[in-house]
Amino acid sequence: KMTKSVGIVMIIVIFLHFIESNNNINIDFNNNDIILNKIDDKYMSYALDIANLFGQGDFTKPIDFSNKFLIDKAYYLTSRNTISGYNYLRVGGGAQDCYTYFKNFNFTSQYCQEKNYIGVINEILWDDLITFCRKTNLKLIFGLNSAFGRNETHKDWDSSNAEELFDYIIGNNQTDVIAGMELGNEPRSTKFGFNLTGKELAESFIKLKKIIDEKFNDSLVSIIGPDVSGDLSELLFIKEFVNNVNDALDIFSWHYYPLDSEDSSDTGKELLEPEELNEILSISNSYMDLVEKNTNISASICGETSSFAHGGKFNVSNSFNDCFWYIDQASLLARNSQSAMLRQDLYGSYYGLINSTYYNAIPDYLIAEFWNELIGTTVFNVTSNNDQIRSYGFCSSNNDGSLVIVLLNLQSISADVNFSFNPSLPTNTNREDYIITADSLTSKFLKLNNDYIKYNSNLSSISSNNYENIKLPEQSIIFSKFNNITSLCST
């Protein structure tokens, strides 16, 4: 009996070793489809819920744009972007369709009343936002109030208040900060308490384009929208919008939250399941099918996203657990024709990259650091034969011929991974590894190559001349940089 038991154990050990070692990452530079996409040099960017300005919704206190700790943390993120030195900041959200500028119009739609969103963005608050963006090298995408002036009998958007904001921006020489304007947040056919068609929404964007062209002249202010949610039940509404917006939309924007903090069945364990991580593709592809039919739209972005809606989930959104979702979705969308991804939220609630109590950086903040410092704008077709080991490839940020492969081991066991390059790499190829782990999935602290790191740490790597294989620790994220191996990554 003992001999039989030992034999069974040996078979299990051999089987587990086979599983660990039979993981292949393939990179075929001779494949005509090796390059999948070119992304924006500010790809990894951020959203700030506009309700933050007044401490409403998921936020307990108004944001203080003059806070030194907030400024330092936000600037440090953008400064790690070694390509452009800038990132986008999208200020918008549900409350944008309720707030007015400079004047109190006693404007309260049914939607605003239900959500208790009330606010006037005065000149001081607006200037504070502009100053914050300038100090932190953030290019502002601002969400305009699309509900203003609309009612059951008058569905046209009243642009007068938005025009006052535009005149103020131009009169105070603030156009250098503005990257784009959005009109409305997550429009639905019945959002404002009455039926609004996709064609009627498109007419509002056409009106916005005419105003921006007249007022901003040659300033590069993109029109971005319609900031639809990931609810495909509104697909016909969006299709009608895209078909009628003509040349009035520069960038298509959509939102996505895979989980909901108000749903107790969503625990966060789903964020390490390949099926859950892949769900976004059906939504992205559905929108891209529509966008590609309008040749005037130059790009598509995921303009607001987080793992959990409604403020995030404690001990998930602000822990190592979330990092797997963050880096995987960013990489997956980069492979699939998206130009940028804006994570909700830069600050506040459980999902804020910067904590609103002590202004600490959460683990996802550090993931954004790694991306900004290491990842370039060319996306490669890198494949894995194991869906528990996710793999993505990019040119490095310094365009010196180096390739960065991003690996995620979702398994609770370590894994041996083999790299298969075509053509084969020179024997003197040098590789630098950045291996990210934590003591547990709920940890608020990350380790880089087994040493704890904080937000202003130097991102030091382990250098290796072994370019053929790597051992991935259990539940780990790895950036492997292969130095000077392809002319496709040379300027």
Foldseek 3Di string as FASTA:
>chain_A
DVVVVVVVVVVVVVVVQCVQAPKEKEQEPPDPCFFQFFFDLQFEAAEAELVLQQQFFLGNHHDDLPDPLLLVLLQLLLCLQPQPSEHAYEYYDQLQLAEFEQDCPVDDFPLCVVRVRHYYCYPVNVVSVLVSCVSRRYAYEYEHRQNDPDDQVRHAGDCVRVLVVLVVCVVVVSLVRHQEYEYDAQDALCNRPHGDALLRVLVNLLVVQVSCCVRVPPRNYFYEDPAHELDCVRVVRPLNNLVRNALSHAEYEYEYALAAQVDPVDDLLCLLPLVSLCPVVVSLVSVVVSNVVRVSHNFYEHEEYAHYPRQDHALCLQFLSRLSSVVSNSQVVLSVGHRHYHYPHCERGRNHCQYPPPRFGFPNSVVSSCCSNFFPGTWTDMDMPDSQKDWTKGQTNVLQQKMKIKIWRSAQAKHKYFYHYVVDFDLQKKKWKFKWDDPDRSHRWIATVNHTDGSPDDRHTDMDSPPTMDMHGHGIMMIMMTPNTGNVSHD
